[in-house]
Every structure is written in structure tokens, then in C-alpha cells.
Amino acid sequence: MASEEHEIQKAIMVALSQHKCSVFRTNVGKVQTIDHRWFDAGLPQGHPDLYGWRWVDNQVFYIEVKNKTGKPREDQIRFHEFLTSHKVIHGIARSAKDALMIVDGAIVGYGYDDYGSEAQ
């Protein structure tokens, strides 16, 4: 993840944590085992960078962190479409303010409208 996105991600985590939410960063990637096999660790392809829930009602949310010009990959759009089909709170956040708006407003699919998906 680009350094700028990493800083945005940290700011979002702090803001949501201070806003009565539990929030977690996802870790994904491939690692090579000691016997030289590759192990695909982590979550499904396209899974958003952050996930958590609101303490007030235990509603789950997912946040994809992007910088000002970042665009979601095709696998991220597919994951967004899956979340949308289940009416799960999620969106692309380019700032802590965006993330708070998504979570507080219970928005489904914020920021995906420009990428050929069926965001609400």
C-alpha cells in the first residue's frame, strides 16, 4: 500500500475507534514456507482494507482505503458487488471524514459509482 494510503488508513482507524467502533486492518499476501511452498495467507481477493462494527447496534462495516486518485481493482469491485447484494455498510474512504460518513450514515457502496458497479 502506498505510504499516503497507509497514513489515511491509520487516521481512519483512530477516528473510528474514537467514534465507538471496533475496527481491524486486514492482512493478506503470500509467504514462502520453510520447505519453499507458497502459502496464500489472509482473506478473499478484493476484501476491503478495514472492517469492524458499530458499538451502538453491532452493524458490520467494511472500508476500502484509497488516496485521492486511487481506483478500486476489479476484484475489489466484485467484493463490493457482493457486499451490496447483502446491503452491508461499506465504501471507499479517502479520508477519516469519508469513513465516518459511511459508517454513521450506514451507506452501502459509497464511492463505487464511478467504476461500473451497481452501488447504491
Protein backbone atom coordinates (compact mmCIF):
# COMPACT_ATOMS: atom_id res chain seq x y z
CA MET A 1 0.00 0.00 0.00
CA ALA A 2 1.29 3.43 -0.84
CA SER A 3 2.61 5.45 2.07
CA GLU A 4 -0.11 8.06 1.60
CA GLU A 5 -2.82 5.37 1.79
CA HIS A 6 -1.16 3.93 4.89
CA GLU A 7 -1.38 7.32 6.62
CA ILE A 8 -5.05 7.68 5.60
CA GLN A 9 -5.71 4.16 6.90
CA LYS A 10 -4.13 4.97 10.29
CA ALA A 11 -6.20 8.18 10.58
CA ILE A 12 -9.38 6.26 9.74
CA MET A 13 -8.65 3.60 12.35
CA VAL A 14 -8.09 6.23 15.04
CA ALA A 15 -11.22 8.18 14.09
CA LEU A 16 -13.46 5.10 14.03
CA SER A 17 -12.00 3.78 17.29
CA GLN A 18 -12.74 7.13 18.96
CA HIS A 19 -16.24 7.00 17.47
CA LYS A 20 -17.40 3.91 19.37
CA CYS A 21 -16.46 1.40 16.69
CA SER A 22 -14.19 -1.61 16.68
CA VAL A 23 -12.01 -1.61 13.57
CA PHE A 24 -9.39 -4.00 12.23
CA ARG A 25 -6.85 -3.84 9.42
CA THR A 26 -6.78 -6.81 7.08
CA ASN A 27 -3.51 -8.56 6.34
CA VAL A 28 -3.19 -10.52 3.13
CA GLY A 29 -0.38 -11.78 0.99
CA LYS A 30 1.72 -14.74 0.02
CA VAL A 31 4.55 -16.14 2.10
CA GLN A 32 7.00 -18.88 1.35
CA THR A 33 7.20 -21.70 3.87
CA ILE A 34 10.46 -23.14 5.12
CA ASP A 35 10.09 -26.01 2.64
CA HIS A 36 9.73 -23.46 -0.23
CA ARG A 37 5.99 -23.87 -0.82
CA TRP A 38 3.89 -20.74 -1.26
CA PHE A 39 1.11 -20.14 1.22
CA ASP A 40 -1.67 -17.68 0.40
CA ALA A 41 -2.45 -16.06 3.75
CA GLY A 42 -5.42 -13.97 4.53
CA LEU A 43 -8.81 -13.09 3.21
CA PRO A 44 -10.59 -13.45 -0.15
CA GLN A 45 -9.29 -11.39 -3.07
CA GLY A 46 -10.78 -7.91 -3.10
CA HIS A 47 -11.53 -7.84 0.63
CA PRO A 48 -11.51 -4.21 1.86
CA ASP A 49 -8.59 -2.85 3.89
CA LEU A 50 -10.58 -2.31 7.09
CA TYR A 51 -13.59 -3.90 8.70
CA GLY A 52 -15.36 -3.61 12.01
CA TRP A 53 -18.64 -2.87 13.72
CA ARG A 54 -20.52 -0.03 15.35
CA TRP A 55 -20.96 -0.49 19.10
CA VAL A 56 -24.36 1.20 19.12
CA ASP A 57 -26.06 -1.52 17.05
CA ASN A 58 -23.34 -4.08 16.17
CA GLN A 59 -23.71 -3.31 12.46
CA VAL A 60 -20.70 -4.55 10.48
CA PHE A 61 -18.89 -2.23 8.05
CA TYR A 62 -16.07 -2.51 5.50
CA ILE A 63 -13.82 0.33 4.32
CA GLU A 64 -11.60 0.29 1.22
CA VAL A 65 -8.88 2.93 1.70
CA LYS A 66 -7.74 4.88 -1.35
CA ASN A 67 -5.74 8.05 -1.83
CA LYS A 68 -7.13 10.99 -3.78
CA THR A 69 -6.64 9.33 -7.18
CA GLY A 70 -6.77 5.62 -6.24
CA LYS A 71 -9.20 3.36 -8.09
CA PRO A 72 -10.58 0.00 -6.98
CA ARG A 73 -9.27 -3.12 -8.72
CA GLU A 74 -11.64 -5.50 -10.48
CA ASP A 75 -11.56 -7.97 -7.55
CA GLN A 76 -12.41 -5.10 -5.18
CA ILE A 77 -15.38 -4.15 -7.36
CA ARG A 78 -16.58 -7.77 -7.28
CA PHE A 79 -16.32 -7.81 -3.47
CA HIS A 80 -18.23 -4.51 -3.37
CA GLU A 81 -20.98 -6.04 -5.52
CA PHE A 82 -21.18 -8.98 -3.10
CA LEU A 83 -21.47 -6.63 -0.10
CA THR A 84 -24.05 -4.53 -1.93
CA SER A 85 -26.17 -7.59 -2.68
CA HIS A 86 -26.39 -8.19 1.09
CA LYS A 87 -26.88 -4.49 1.92
CA VAL A 88 -23.71 -4.38 4.06
CA ILE A 89 -22.34 -0.97 5.06
CA HIS A 90 -19.20 -0.32 3.02
CA GLY A 91 -17.44 2.16 0.78
CA ILE A 92 -14.26 3.77 -0.44
CA ALA A 93 -12.80 6.24 2.02
CA ARG A 94 -10.16 8.76 1.02
CA SER A 95 -10.14 10.36 4.47
CA ALA A 96 -11.28 9.76 8.04
CA LYS A 97 -14.22 12.07 7.30
CA ASP A 98 -15.33 9.77 4.46
CA ALA A 99 -15.09 6.71 6.71
CA LEU A 100 -17.16 8.34 9.46
CA MET A 101 -19.77 9.39 6.90
CA ILE A 102 -20.00 5.82 5.54
CA VAL A 103 -20.29 4.25 8.98
CA ASP A 104 -22.59 6.85 10.58
CA GLY A 105 -24.83 7.04 7.54
CA ALA A 106 -24.98 3.25 7.10
CA ILE A 107 -24.08 3.84 3.45
CA VAL A 108 -23.91 0.84 1.14
CA GLY A 109 -21.33 1.21 -1.64
CA TYR A 110 -20.10 4.78 -1.19
CA GLY A 111 -17.53 5.79 -3.81
CA TYR A 112 -18.03 2.90 -6.23
CA ASP A 113 -20.48 4.67 -8.57
CA ASP A 114 -17.75 5.76 -11.00
CA TYR A 115 -16.40 2.25 -11.50
CA GLY A 116 -19.13 0.46 -13.42
CA SER A 117 -20.78 -1.22 -10.47
CA GLU A 118 -24.28 -1.08 -9.12
CA ALA A 119 -23.58 0.90 -5.95
CA GLN A 120 -26.48 2.34 -4.04
